Amino acid sequence: MAMKTRTIKIMVVDDHQLIINGLNSLVEEEKDIVFSGGANDWEEAQDILQNEKIDVALIDINMPGMSGIDVTRKIKRMYPEVQVLALSMHDDFAMVQKMISAGASGYIIKRTTLGVVADAIRIVFEKGKFLSKEIQDILLEGIKVSEDPSGEMNVELSKREHEVLTLLGRELSNEEIAERLFISERTVESHRRNIFIKTKSKSVVGLIKFAIKNNLIVNENDATKIICTLFMVVLPFSQLLFHGFGN
């Protein structure tokens, strides 16, 4: 007997009705996503939240009256089970930081495609984190670019050390890494120690920043996942930026 797919109920909060109507039309073709209502402000949003079991709320940041940042804070305080996905016309780093701090699980640009919107909804619904490709690209470039040329070092890691480094960037514990690689925790700790010595890093955060800057993590998908981790989970926004970037 086939398992029934869980339906994701979404709402859209945006002061432009055209955006609400457009997102409603976009998700109509998605069998597992149901549009449950649109609101132009917090009051209308609250009416929907009180009457519908919303899973994911897509919220515009720049709205007159109560901003999307404040709406997000209210939703996460009053309806903590609702996942918030931020909507914006701009790749504004300050806004990204504020929305994530307010409780948003993801951030997408309004000009993105249906496929990306649907993927973002599914990812945050499953308690994941999502940054649109535009944001990821800029963050990745910012981490790689530095005015200090001495930041680059010729470091050679073994294949196993590369694997451990990548999993560290995904926030896996020593135990989880050991299970994933079929090695002992003691071996994982040994690899970690060697990696820190070779890169002269003092923390996991510093290690991952160093690894991305020096192209020690060469898989683009791994790099962008780690960018999300650094930006949304590990690092305060200000620590992510290098000199001359985002100032």
C-alpha atoms as a PDB file:
ATOM      1  CA  MET A   1       0.000   0.000   0.000  1.00  0.00           C
ATOM      2  CA  ALA A   2       1.464   3.358  -1.042  1.00  0.00           C
ATOM      3  CA  MET A   3       2.164   5.896   1.712  1.00  0.00           C
ATOM      4  CA  LYS A   4       0.108   9.060   1.575  1.00  0.00           C
ATOM      5  CA  THR A   5       2.173  12.187   0.879  1.00  0.00           C
ATOM      6  CA  ARG A   6       1.988  14.795   3.639  1.00  0.00           C
ATOM      7  CA  THR A   7       0.339  17.979   2.368  1.00  0.00           C
ATOM      8  CA  ILE A   8       2.128  21.232   3.189  1.00  0.00           C
ATOM      9  CA  LYS A   9      -0.257  24.098   3.924  1.00  0.00           C
ATOM     10  CA  ILE A  10       1.194  27.514   3.132  1.00  0.00           C
ATOM     11  CA  MET A  11       0.145  31.120   3.511  1.00  0.00           C
ATOM     12  CA  VAL A  12       1.624  34.248   1.908  1.00  0.00           C
ATOM     13  CA  VAL A  13       1.948  37.604   3.682  1.00  0.00           C
ATOM     14  CA  ASP A  14       2.669  40.420   1.234  1.00  0.00           C
ATOM     15  CA  ASP A  15       1.246  43.907   0.764  1.00  0.00           C
ATOM     16  CA  HIS A  16       1.157  43.338  -3.003  1.00  0.00           C
ATOM     17  CA  GLN A  17      -1.864  41.241  -3.943  1.00  0.00           C
ATOM     18  CA  LEU A  18      -0.232  40.458  -7.283  1.00  0.00           C
ATOM     19  CA  ILE A  19       2.538  38.540  -5.474  1.00  0.00           C
ATOM     20  CA  ILE A  20       0.000  36.586  -3.424  1.00  0.00           C
ATOM     21  CA  ASN A  21      -1.998  35.686  -6.526  1.00  0.00           C
ATOM     22  CA  GLY A  22       1.152  34.742  -8.395  1.00  0.00           C
ATOM     23  CA  LEU A  23       2.389  32.383  -5.670  1.00  0.00           C
ATOM     24  CA  ASN A  24      -1.077  30.876  -5.429  1.00  0.00           C
ATOM     25  CA  SER A  25      -0.976  30.112  -9.156  1.00  0.00           C
ATOM     26  CA  LEU A  26       2.592  28.803  -8.971  1.00  0.00           C
ATOM     27  CA  VAL A  27       1.906  26.186  -6.302  1.00  0.00           C
ATOM     28  CA  GLU A  28      -1.317  24.927  -7.882  1.00  0.00           C
ATOM     29  CA  GLU A  29       0.705  22.415  -9.891  1.00  0.00           C
ATOM     30  CA  GLU A  30       2.454  21.068  -6.777  1.00  0.00           C
ATOM     31  CA  LYS A  31       0.492  18.086  -5.446  1.00  0.00           C
ATOM     32  CA  ASP A  32       2.005  18.258  -1.963  1.00  0.00           C
ATOM     33  CA  ILE A  33       1.644  22.032  -1.441  1.00  0.00           C
ATOM     34  CA  VAL A  34      -1.693  23.707  -0.712  1.00  0.00           C
ATOM     35  CA  PHE A  35      -2.281  27.465  -0.710  1.00  0.00           C
ATOM     36  CA  SER A  36      -4.363  28.210   2.403  1.00  0.00           C
ATOM     37  CA  GLY A  37      -4.595  31.973   2.218  1.00  0.00           C
ATOM     38  CA  GLY A  38      -2.993  35.326   1.551  1.00  0.00           C
ATOM     39  CA  ALA A  39      -2.695  38.344   3.809  1.00  0.00           C
ATOM     40  CA  ASN A  40      -1.661  41.954   3.213  1.00  0.00           C
ATOM     41  CA  ASP A  41      -0.701  42.652   6.837  1.00  0.00           C
ATOM     42  CA  TRP A  42      -0.337  41.094  10.300  1.00  0.00           C
ATOM     43  CA  GLU A  43      -4.013  41.388  11.200  1.00  0.00           C
ATOM     44  CA  GLU A  44      -5.106  39.437   8.133  1.00  0.00           C
ATOM     45  CA  ALA A  45      -2.287  36.940   8.690  1.00  0.00           C
ATOM     46  CA  GLN A  46      -3.420  36.318  12.247  1.00  0.00           C
ATOM     47  CA  ASP A  47      -6.955  35.560  11.062  1.00  0.00           C
ATOM     48  CA  ILE A  48      -5.583  32.849   8.765  1.00  0.00           C
ATOM     49  CA  LEU A  49      -3.290  31.418  11.452  1.00  0.00           C
ATOM     50  CA  GLN A  50      -6.181  31.160  13.886  1.00  0.00           C
ATOM     51  CA  ASN A  51      -8.387  29.309  11.423  1.00  0.00           C
ATOM     52  CA  GLU A  52      -5.928  27.187   9.446  1.00  0.00           C
ATOM     53  CA  LYS A  53      -3.133  24.836  10.500  1.00  0.00           C
ATOM     54  CA  ILE A  54      -0.380  26.539   8.543  1.00  0.00           C
ATOM     55  CA  ASP A  55       2.911  24.711   8.017  1.00  0.00           C
ATOM     56  CA  VAL A  56       4.941  27.340   6.151  1.00  0.00           C
ATOM     57  CA  ALA A  57       4.432  31.112   5.971  1.00  0.00           C
ATOM     58  CA  LEU A  58       6.051  33.015   3.094  1.00  0.00           C
ATOM     59  CA  ILE A  59       6.564  36.564   4.325  1.00  0.00           C
ATOM     60  CA  ASP A  60       7.531  39.718   2.457  1.00  0.00           C
ATOM     61  CA  ILE A  61      10.131  41.750   4.334  1.00  0.00           C
ATOM     62  CA  ASN A  62       9.290  45.278   3.185  1.00  0.00           C
ATOM     63  CA  MET A  63       5.684  45.996   4.123  1.00  0.00           C
ATOM     64  CA  PRO A  64       4.119  49.248   5.352  1.00  0.00           C
ATOM     65  CA  GLY A  65       3.081  49.252   8.978  1.00  0.00           C
ATOM     66  CA  MET A  66       4.428  46.124  10.627  1.00  0.00           C
ATOM     67  CA  SER A  67       7.472  44.846   8.743  1.00  0.00           C
ATOM     68  CA  GLY A  68       8.005  41.253   7.741  1.00  0.00           C
ATOM     69  CA  ILE A  69      10.694  41.031  10.409  1.00  0.00           C
ATOM     70  CA  ASP A  70       8.209  41.931  13.155  1.00  0.00           C
ATOM     71  CA  VAL A  71       5.556  39.661  11.645  1.00  0.00           C
ATOM     72  CA  THR A  72       8.064  36.816  11.726  1.00  0.00           C
ATOM     73  CA  ARG A  73       8.842  37.457  15.401  1.00  0.00           C
ATOM     74  CA  LYS A  74       5.142  37.398  16.251  1.00  0.00           C
ATOM     75  CA  ILE A  75       4.505  34.193  14.321  1.00  0.00           C
ATOM     76  CA  LYS A  76       7.450  32.385  15.933  1.00  0.00           C
ATOM     77  CA  ARG A  77       6.336  33.536  19.394  1.00  0.00           C
ATOM     78  CA  MET A  78       2.635  32.769  18.981  1.00  0.00           C
ATOM     79  CA  TYR A  79       2.776  29.891  16.470  1.00  0.00           C
ATOM     80  CA  PRO A  80       6.251  28.325  16.919  1.00  0.00           C
ATOM     81  CA  GLU A  81       5.357  25.285  14.843  1.00  0.00           C
ATOM     82  CA  VAL A  82       4.977  27.459  11.715  1.00  0.00           C
ATOM     83  CA  GLN A  83       8.122  27.652   9.574  1.00  0.00           C
ATOM     84  CA  VAL A  84       8.868  31.042   8.026  1.00  0.00           C
ATOM     85  CA  LEU A  85      10.327  31.564   4.552  1.00  0.00           C
ATOM     86  CA  ALA A  86      11.347  35.163   3.837  1.00  0.00           C
ATOM     87  CA  LEU A  87      10.559  36.837   0.516  1.00  0.00           C
ATOM     88  CA  SER A  88      12.501  39.802  -0.844  1.00  0.00           C
ATOM     89  CA  MET A  89      13.131  41.693  -4.065  1.00  0.00           C
ATOM     90  CA  HIS A  90      16.695  42.411  -2.951  1.00  0.00           C
ATOM     91  CA  ASP A  91      19.735  40.437  -1.792  1.00  0.00           C
ATOM     92  CA  ASP A  92      20.204  42.758   1.185  1.00  0.00           C
ATOM     93  CA  PHE A  93      22.541  41.170   3.720  1.00  0.00           C
ATOM     94  CA  ALA A  94      21.286  43.227   6.648  1.00  0.00           C
ATOM     95  CA  MET A  95      17.740  42.077   5.927  1.00  0.00           C
ATOM     96  CA  VAL A  96      18.827  38.461   5.638  1.00  0.00           C
ATOM     97  CA  GLN A  97      20.485  38.688   9.035  1.00  0.00           C
ATOM     98  CA  LYS A  98      17.458  40.328  10.658  1.00  0.00           C
ATOM     99  CA  MET A  99      14.997  37.807   9.235  1.00  0.00           C
ATOM    100  CA  ILE A 100      17.087  34.825  10.325  1.00  0.00           C
ATOM    101  CA  SER A 101      17.498  36.358  13.787  1.00  0.00           C
ATOM    102  CA  ALA A 102      13.720  36.866  13.943  1.00  0.00           C
ATOM    103  CA  GLY A 103      13.190  33.153  13.334  1.00  0.00           C
ATOM    104  CA  ALA A 104      12.987  32.654   9.567  1.00  0.00           C
ATOM    105  CA  SER A 105      14.258  29.299   8.321  1.00  0.00           C
ATOM    106  CA  GLY A 106      14.967  30.475   4.799  1.00  0.00           C
ATOM    107  CA  TYR A 107      15.340  33.415   2.446  1.00  0.00           C
ATOM    108  CA  ILE A 108      14.436  33.512  -1.237  1.00  0.00           C
ATOM    109  CA  ILE A 109      14.458  36.198  -3.910  1.00  0.00           C
ATOM    110  CA  LYS A 110      11.042  36.950  -5.427  1.00  0.00           C
ATOM    111  CA  ARG A 111      12.339  36.585  -8.972  1.00  0.00           C
ATOM    112  CA  THR A 112      13.287  32.951  -8.371  1.00  0.00           C
ATOM    113  CA  THR A 113      11.668  30.081 -10.266  1.00  0.00           C
ATOM    114  CA  LEU A 114       8.742  27.921  -9.220  1.00  0.00           C
ATOM    115  CA  GLY A 115      10.969  24.915  -8.751  1.00  0.00           C
ATOM    116  CA  VAL A 116      13.174  26.763  -6.277  1.00  0.00           C
ATOM    117  CA  VAL A 117      10.177  28.162  -4.375  1.00  0.00           C
ATOM    118  CA  ALA A 118       8.647  24.696  -4.075  1.00  0.00           C
ATOM    119  CA  ASP A 119      11.966  23.184  -2.971  1.00  0.00           C
ATOM    120  CA  ALA A 120      12.439  25.928  -0.386  1.00  0.00           C
ATOM    121  CA  ILE A 121       8.957  25.312   1.023  1.00  0.00           C
ATOM    122  CA  ARG A 122       9.623  21.572   1.332  1.00  0.00           C
ATOM    123  CA  ILE A 123      13.034  22.074   2.940  1.00  0.00           C
ATOM    124  CA  VAL A 124      11.886  24.500   5.646  1.00  0.00           C
ATOM    125  CA  PHE A 125       8.803  22.351   6.252  1.00  0.00           C
ATOM    126  CA  GLU A 126      11.159  19.501   7.141  1.00  0.00           C
ATOM    127  CA  LYS A 127      12.902  21.848   9.632  1.00  0.00           C
ATOM    128  CA  GLY A 128      15.749  22.496   7.196  1.00  0.00           C
ATOM    129  CA  LYS A 129      17.434  25.782   6.264  1.00  0.00           C
ATOM    130  CA  PHE A 130      17.314  27.386   2.813  1.00  0.00           C
ATOM    131  CA  LEU A 131      19.097  30.297   1.177  1.00  0.00           C
ATOM    132  CA  SER A 132      18.402  31.011  -2.481  1.00  0.00           C
ATOM    133  CA  LYS A 133      21.267  30.521  -4.934  1.00  0.00           C
ATOM    134  CA  GLU A 134      21.722  34.280  -5.360  1.00  0.00           C
ATOM    135  CA  ILE A 135      22.387  34.704  -1.641  1.00  0.00           C
ATOM    136  CA  GLN A 136      24.602  31.611  -1.470  1.00  0.00           C
ATOM    137  CA  ASP A 137      26.748  32.792  -4.392  1.00  0.00           C
ATOM    138  CA  ILE A 138      27.382  36.185  -2.855  1.00  0.00           C
ATOM    139  CA  LEU A 139      28.171  34.707   0.561  1.00  0.00           C
ATOM    140  CA  LEU A 140      30.525  32.165  -0.999  1.00  0.00           C
ATOM    141  CA  GLU A 141      32.320  34.877  -2.948  1.00  0.00           C
ATOM    142  CA  GLY A 142      32.585  36.987   0.178  1.00  0.00           C
ATOM    143  CA  ILE A 143      34.204  34.170   2.111  1.00  0.00           C
ATOM    144  CA  LYS A 144      36.666  33.376  -0.676  1.00  0.00           C
ATOM    145  CA  VAL A 145      37.718  36.992  -1.252  1.00  0.00           C
ATOM    146  CA  SER A 146      39.989  38.698   1.258  1.00  0.00           C
ATOM    147  CA  GLU A 147      42.294  41.700   1.081  1.00  0.00           C
ATOM    148  CA  ASP A 148      44.873  39.745   3.097  1.00  0.00           C
ATOM    149  CA  PRO A 149      46.906  37.586   0.662  1.00  0.00           C
ATOM    150  CA  SER A 150      48.616  35.849   3.574  1.00  0.00           C
ATOM    151  CA  GLY A 151      45.304  34.108   4.300  1.00  0.00           C
ATOM    152  CA  GLU A 152      46.019  31.610   1.522  1.00  0.00           C
ATOM    153  CA  MET A 153      48.209  28.629   2.382  1.00  0.00           C
ATOM    154  CA  ASN A 154      49.320  25.556   0.505  1.00  0.00           C
ATOM    155  CA  VAL A 155      47.688  22.869   2.642  1.00  0.00           C
ATOM    156  CA  GLU A 156      47.458  19.243   1.555  1.00  0.00           C
ATOM    157  CA  LEU A 157      44.828  17.092   3.221  1.00  0.00           C
ATOM    158  CA  SER A 158      44.372  13.370   2.760  1.00  0.00           C
ATOM    159  CA  LYS A 159      41.176  12.024   1.203  1.00  0.00           C
ATOM    160  CA  ARG A 160      39.919  10.979   4.642  1.00  0.00           C
ATOM    161  CA  GLU A 161      40.745  14.391   6.108  1.00  0.00           C
ATOM    162  CA  HIS A 162      38.745  16.029   3.301  1.00  0.00           C
ATOM    163  CA  GLU A 163      35.769  13.810   4.188  1.00  0.00           C
ATOM    164  CA  VAL A 164      36.030  14.649   7.881  1.00  0.00           C
ATOM    165  CA  LEU A 165      36.351  18.373   7.105  1.00  0.00           C
ATOM    166  CA  THR A 166      33.226  18.342   4.936  1.00  0.00           C
ATOM    167  CA  LEU A 167      31.201  16.559   7.629  1.00  0.00           C
ATOM    168  CA  LEU A 168      32.465  18.971  10.285  1.00  0.00           C
ATOM    169  CA  GLY A 169      31.086  21.772   8.140  1.00  0.00           C
ATOM    170  CA  ARG A 170      27.686  20.087   8.241  1.00  0.00           C
ATOM    171  CA  GLU A 171      27.796  20.200  12.061  1.00  0.00           C
ATOM    172  CA  LEU A 172      28.126  16.440  12.540  1.00  0.00           C
ATOM    173  CA  SER A 173      29.561  15.265  15.846  1.00  0.00           C
ATOM    174  CA  ASN A 174      32.563  12.949  16.139  1.00  0.00           C
ATOM    175  CA  GLU A 175      30.194  10.064  16.780  1.00  0.00           C
ATOM    176  CA  GLU A 176      28.082  10.880  13.712  1.00  0.00           C
ATOM    177  CA  ILE A 177      31.170  11.280  11.523  1.00  0.00           C
ATOM    178  CA  ALA A 178      32.503   7.935  12.756  1.00  0.00           C
ATOM    179  CA  GLU A 179      29.222   6.223  11.877  1.00  0.00           C
ATOM    180  CA  ARG A 180      29.085   7.882   8.453  1.00  0.00           C
ATOM    181  CA  LEU A 181      32.673   6.934   7.539  1.00  0.00           C
ATOM    182  CA  PHE A 182      32.717   3.534   9.309  1.00  0.00           C
ATOM    183  CA  ILE A 183      35.677   4.468  11.489  1.00  0.00           C
ATOM    184  CA  SER A 184      36.166   4.869  15.240  1.00  0.00           C
ATOM    185  CA  GLU A 185      35.604   8.114  17.138  1.00  0.00           C
ATOM    186  CA  ARG A 186      39.256   8.016  18.161  1.00  0.00           C
ATOM    187  CA  THR A 187      40.231   7.983  14.483  1.00  0.00           C
ATOM    188  CA  VAL A 188      37.908  10.918  13.790  1.00  0.00           C
ATOM    189  CA  GLU A 189      39.496  12.860  16.630  1.00  0.00           C
ATOM    190  CA  SER A 190      42.938  12.088  15.225  1.00  0.00           C
ATOM    191  CA  HIS A 191      41.907  13.390  11.792  1.00  0.00           C
ATOM    192  CA  ARG A 192      40.400  16.515  13.379  1.00  0.00           C
ATOM    193  CA  ARG A 193      43.599  17.190  15.279  1.00  0.00           C
ATOM    194  CA  ASN A 194      45.701  16.794  12.132  1.00  0.00           C
ATOM    195  CA  ILE A 195      43.416  19.100  10.148  1.00  0.00           C
ATOM    196  CA  PHE A 196      43.599  21.820  12.804  1.00  0.00           C
ATOM    197  CA  ILE A 197      47.393  21.533  12.942  1.00  0.00           C
ATOM    198  CA  LYS A 198      47.790  21.668   9.153  1.00  0.00           C
ATOM    199  CA  THR A 199      45.466  24.666   8.721  1.00  0.00           C
ATOM    200  CA  LYS A 200      46.562  26.453  11.909  1.00  0.00           C
ATOM    201  CA  SER A 201      42.887  26.955  12.809  1.00  0.00           C
ATOM    202  CA  LYS A 202      41.676  27.534  16.368  1.00  0.00           C
ATOM    203  CA  SER A 203      37.990  26.650  16.004  1.00  0.00           C
ATOM    204  CA  VAL A 204      35.610  24.755  13.724  1.00  0.00           C
ATOM    205  CA  VAL A 205      34.204  28.051  12.450  1.00  0.00           C
ATOM    206  CA  GLY A 206      37.683  29.322  11.620  1.00  0.00           C
ATOM    207  CA  LEU A 207      38.546  25.988  10.042  1.00  0.00           C
ATOM    208  CA  ILE A 208      35.550  26.000   7.687  1.00  0.00           C
ATOM    209  CA  LYS A 209      36.136  29.632   6.691  1.00  0.00           C
ATOM    210  CA  PHE A 210      39.769  28.771   5.988  1.00  0.00           C
ATOM    211  CA  ALA A 211      38.782  25.680   4.007  1.00  0.00           C
ATOM    212  CA  ILE A 212      36.382  27.569   1.743  1.00  0.00           C
ATOM    213  CA  LYS A 213      38.803  30.473   1.190  1.00  0.00           C
ATOM    214  CA  ASN A 214      41.604  28.083   0.263  1.00  0.00           C
ATOM    215  CA  ASN A 215      39.457  25.758  -1.885  1.00  0.00           C
ATOM    216  CA  LEU A 216      39.951  22.768   0.400  1.00  0.00           C
ATOM    217  CA  ILE A 217      36.254  22.031  -0.091  1.00  0.00           C
ATOM    218  CA  VAL A 218      35.988  21.728  -3.860  1.00  0.00           C
ATOM    219  CA  ASN A 219      32.480  20.310  -4.253  1.00  0.00           C
ATOM    220  CA  GLU A 220      30.156  23.257  -4.948  1.00  0.00           C
ATOM    221  CA  ASN A 221      27.134  21.605  -3.335  1.00  0.00           C
ATOM    222  CA  ASP A 222      29.102  20.900  -0.165  1.00  0.00           C
ATOM    223  CA  ALA A 223      30.444  24.442  -0.127  1.00  0.00           C
ATOM    224  CA  THR A 224      27.039  26.079  -0.415  1.00  0.00           C
ATOM    225  CA  LYS A 225      25.568  23.783   2.255  1.00  0.00           C
ATOM    226  CA  ILE A 226      28.395  24.755   4.563  1.00  0.00           C
ATOM    227  CA  ILE A 227      27.835  28.435   3.725  1.00  0.00           C
ATOM    228  CA  CYS A 228      24.249  28.016   4.930  1.00  0.00           C
ATOM    229  CA  THR A 229      25.475  26.382   8.118  1.00  0.00           C
ATOM    230  CA  LEU A 230      28.018  29.118   8.810  1.00  0.00           C
ATOM    231  CA  PHE A 231      25.602  31.913   8.039  1.00  0.00           C
ATOM    232  CA  MET A 232      22.395  30.608   9.585  1.00  0.00           C
ATOM    233  CA  VAL A 233      23.578  28.463  12.461  1.00  0.00           C
ATOM    234  CA  VAL A 234      27.181  29.005  13.504  1.00  0.00           C
ATOM    235  CA  LEU A 235      28.255  32.554  12.726  1.00  0.00           C
ATOM    236  CA  PRO A 236      26.763  35.906  13.621  1.00  0.00           C
ATOM    237  CA  PHE A 237      26.386  37.835  10.370  1.00  0.00           C
ATOM    238  CA  SER A 238      29.147  40.326  11.157  1.00  0.00           C
ATOM    239  CA  GLN A 239      31.743  37.554  11.517  1.00  0.00           C
ATOM    240  CA  LEU A 240      31.020  36.204   8.064  1.00  0.00           C
ATOM    241  CA  LEU A 241      32.124  39.320   6.199  1.00  0.00           C
ATOM    242  CA  PHE A 242      35.686  40.069   5.199  1.00  0.00           C
ATOM    243  CA  HIS A 243      37.315  43.479   4.745  1.00  0.00           C
ATOM    244  CA  GLY A 244      35.855  45.395   1.831  1.00  0.00           C
ATOM    245  CA  PHE A 245      32.855  43.086   1.472  1.00  0.00           C
ATOM    246  CA  GLY A 246      29.369  44.283   2.377  1.00  0.00           C
ATOM    247  CA  ASN A 247      30.595  47.537   3.956  1.00  0.00           C
END
